[in-house]
C-alpha atoms as a PDB file:
ATOM      1  CA  MET A   1       0.780  33.577 -21.598  1.00  0.00           C
ATOM      2  CA  HIS A   2      -1.707  30.271 -21.975  1.00  0.00           C
ATOM      3  CA  PHE A   3      -0.961  27.211 -22.887  1.00  0.00           C
ATOM      4  CA  LYS A   4      -2.634  24.308 -25.241  1.00  0.00           C
ATOM      5  CA  LYS A   5      -0.327  21.652 -23.599  1.00  0.00           C
ATOM      6  CA  ASN A   6       0.680  21.957 -19.994  1.00  0.00           C
ATOM      7  CA  VAL A   7       1.004  18.825 -17.283  1.00  0.00           C
ATOM      8  CA  THR A   8       0.096  18.650 -14.728  1.00  0.00           C
ATOM      9  CA  PHE A   9       0.790  15.799 -11.166  1.00  0.00           C
ATOM     10  CA  SER A  10      -1.657  15.771  -8.198  1.00  0.00           C
ATOM     11  CA  ALA A  11      -1.687  13.451  -4.706  1.00  0.00           C
ATOM     12  CA  ALA A  12      -5.003  13.919  -5.252  1.00  0.00           C
ATOM     13  CA  ILE A  13      -7.720  14.251  -7.531  1.00  0.00           C
ATOM     14  CA  SER A  14      -7.716  16.195 -10.742  1.00  0.00           C
ATOM     15  CA  LEU A  15     -11.520  18.053  -9.969  1.00  0.00           C
ATOM     16  CA  GLY A  16     -10.317  21.539 -11.240  1.00  0.00           C
ATOM     17  CA  TRP A  17      -7.137  20.917 -12.539  1.00  0.00           C
ATOM     18  CA  GLU A  18      -9.946  21.558 -16.098  1.00  0.00           C
ATOM     19  CA  ARG A  19      -8.676  25.579 -16.392  1.00  0.00           C
ATOM     20  CA  PHE A  20      -4.851  25.395 -16.375  1.00  0.00           C
ATOM     21  CA  ILE A  21      -4.301  22.532 -18.122  1.00  0.00           C
ATOM     22  CA  GLY A  22      -4.911  23.961 -21.820  1.00  0.00           C
ATOM     23  CA  THR A  23      -7.139  22.014 -23.985  1.00  0.00           C
ATOM     24  CA  GLU A  24      -4.946  19.365 -24.810  1.00  0.00           C
ATOM     25  CA  GLY A  25      -3.242  18.791 -22.174  1.00  0.00           C
ATOM     26  CA  LYS A  26      -2.696  16.225 -19.197  1.00  0.00           C
ATOM     27  CA  VAL A  27      -3.663  15.534 -15.454  1.00  0.00           C
ATOM     28  CA  LEU A  28      -2.846  12.806 -13.904  1.00  0.00           C
ATOM     29  CA  SER A  29      -3.576  11.772 -10.537  1.00  0.00           C
ATOM     30  CA  ILE A  30      -5.718   9.145  -7.917  1.00  0.00           C
ATOM     31  CA  GLU A  31      -8.847   9.737  -8.638  1.00  0.00           C
ATOM     32  CA  THR A  32      -9.596   6.674  -5.937  1.00  0.00           C
ATOM     33  CA  PHE A  33      -9.237   6.119  -2.879  1.00  0.00           C
ATOM     34  CA  GLY A  34      -8.193   3.707  -0.086  1.00  0.00           C
ATOM     35  CA  ALA A  35      -4.969   2.026  -1.277  1.00  0.00           C
ATOM     36  CA  SER A  36      -2.393   0.440   0.771  1.00  0.00           C
ATOM     37  CA  GLY A  37       1.009   0.760   1.092  1.00  0.00           C
ATOM     38  CA  THR A  38       4.237   2.540   1.931  1.00  0.00           C
ATOM     39  CA  GLY A  39       3.616   6.438  -0.031  1.00  0.00           C
ATOM     40  CA  ASP A  40       5.822   4.232  -2.021  1.00  0.00           C
ATOM     41  CA  GLU A  41       4.518   1.988  -3.851  1.00  0.00           C
ATOM     42  CA  VAL A  42       1.181   3.935  -3.731  1.00  0.00           C
ATOM     43  CA  MET A  43       2.812   6.227  -5.398  1.00  0.00           C
ATOM     44  CA  LYS A  44       4.204   3.545  -8.451  1.00  0.00           C
ATOM     45  CA  LEU A  45       0.565   2.517  -7.963  1.00  0.00           C
ATOM     46  CA  PHE A  46      -1.242   5.326  -9.617  1.00  0.00           C
ATOM     47  CA  GLY A  47       1.404   5.650 -12.030  1.00  0.00           C
ATOM     48  CA  PHE A  48       3.993   8.726 -10.428  1.00  0.00           C
ATOM     49  CA  THR A  49       7.696   7.419 -10.637  1.00  0.00           C
ATOM     50  CA  VAL A  50      10.051   9.575 -12.596  1.00  0.00           C
ATOM     51  CA  GLU A  51       9.747   7.401 -16.416  1.00  0.00           C
ATOM     52  CA  ASN A  52       6.105   7.701 -15.793  1.00  0.00           C
ATOM     53  CA  VAL A  53       6.513  11.666 -15.368  1.00  0.00           C
ATOM     54  CA  VAL A  54       9.010  12.154 -18.514  1.00  0.00           C
ATOM     55  CA  GLN A  55       7.147   9.508 -21.112  1.00  0.00           C
ATOM     56  CA  THR A  56       3.545  11.030 -20.713  1.00  0.00           C
ATOM     57  CA  THR A  57       5.372  14.896 -20.456  1.00  0.00           C
ATOM     58  CA  LYS A  58       6.715  13.229 -23.317  1.00  0.00           C
ATOM     59  CA  ASN A  59       3.698  11.917 -25.059  1.00  0.00           C
ATOM     60  CA  LEU A  60       1.842  14.969 -24.653  1.00  0.00           C
ATOM     61  CA  LEU A  61       4.090  17.517 -25.855  1.00  0.00           C
ATOM     62  CA  ASN A  62       5.333  15.075 -28.580  1.00  0.00           C
ATOM     63  CA  PHE A  63       9.506  17.394 -27.908  1.00  0.00           C
ATOM     64  CA  ARG A  64      12.165  15.499 -28.489  1.00  0.00           C
ATOM     65  CA  TYR A  65      13.784  17.947 -26.102  1.00  0.00           C
ATOM     66  CA  VAL A  66      11.818  17.526 -22.266  1.00  0.00           C
ATOM     67  CA  LYS A  67      15.055  16.063 -21.396  1.00  0.00           C
ATOM     68  CA  ALA A  68      16.436  19.760 -20.809  1.00  0.00           C
ATOM     69  CA  LEU A  69      13.287  21.471 -19.880  1.00  0.00           C
ATOM     70  CA  LEU A  70      12.795  18.825 -17.145  1.00  0.00           C
ATOM     71  CA  TYR A  71      15.941  19.258 -14.718  1.00  0.00           C
END
């Protein structure tokens, strides 16, 4: 089954994910090198928070019931 809208989250570069996300997909990734801080601080800096992941998914899917899919 092929989906047009997939969301992937990678704590690395997005290179290679384009073949998995579909024609309208979204990759949340880290494209830079050298950020310093605790793991939590760096992940938050790049948008890897529960709130941002949920909002990114909702925005992409334009779907009211994403919460049910995530839990």
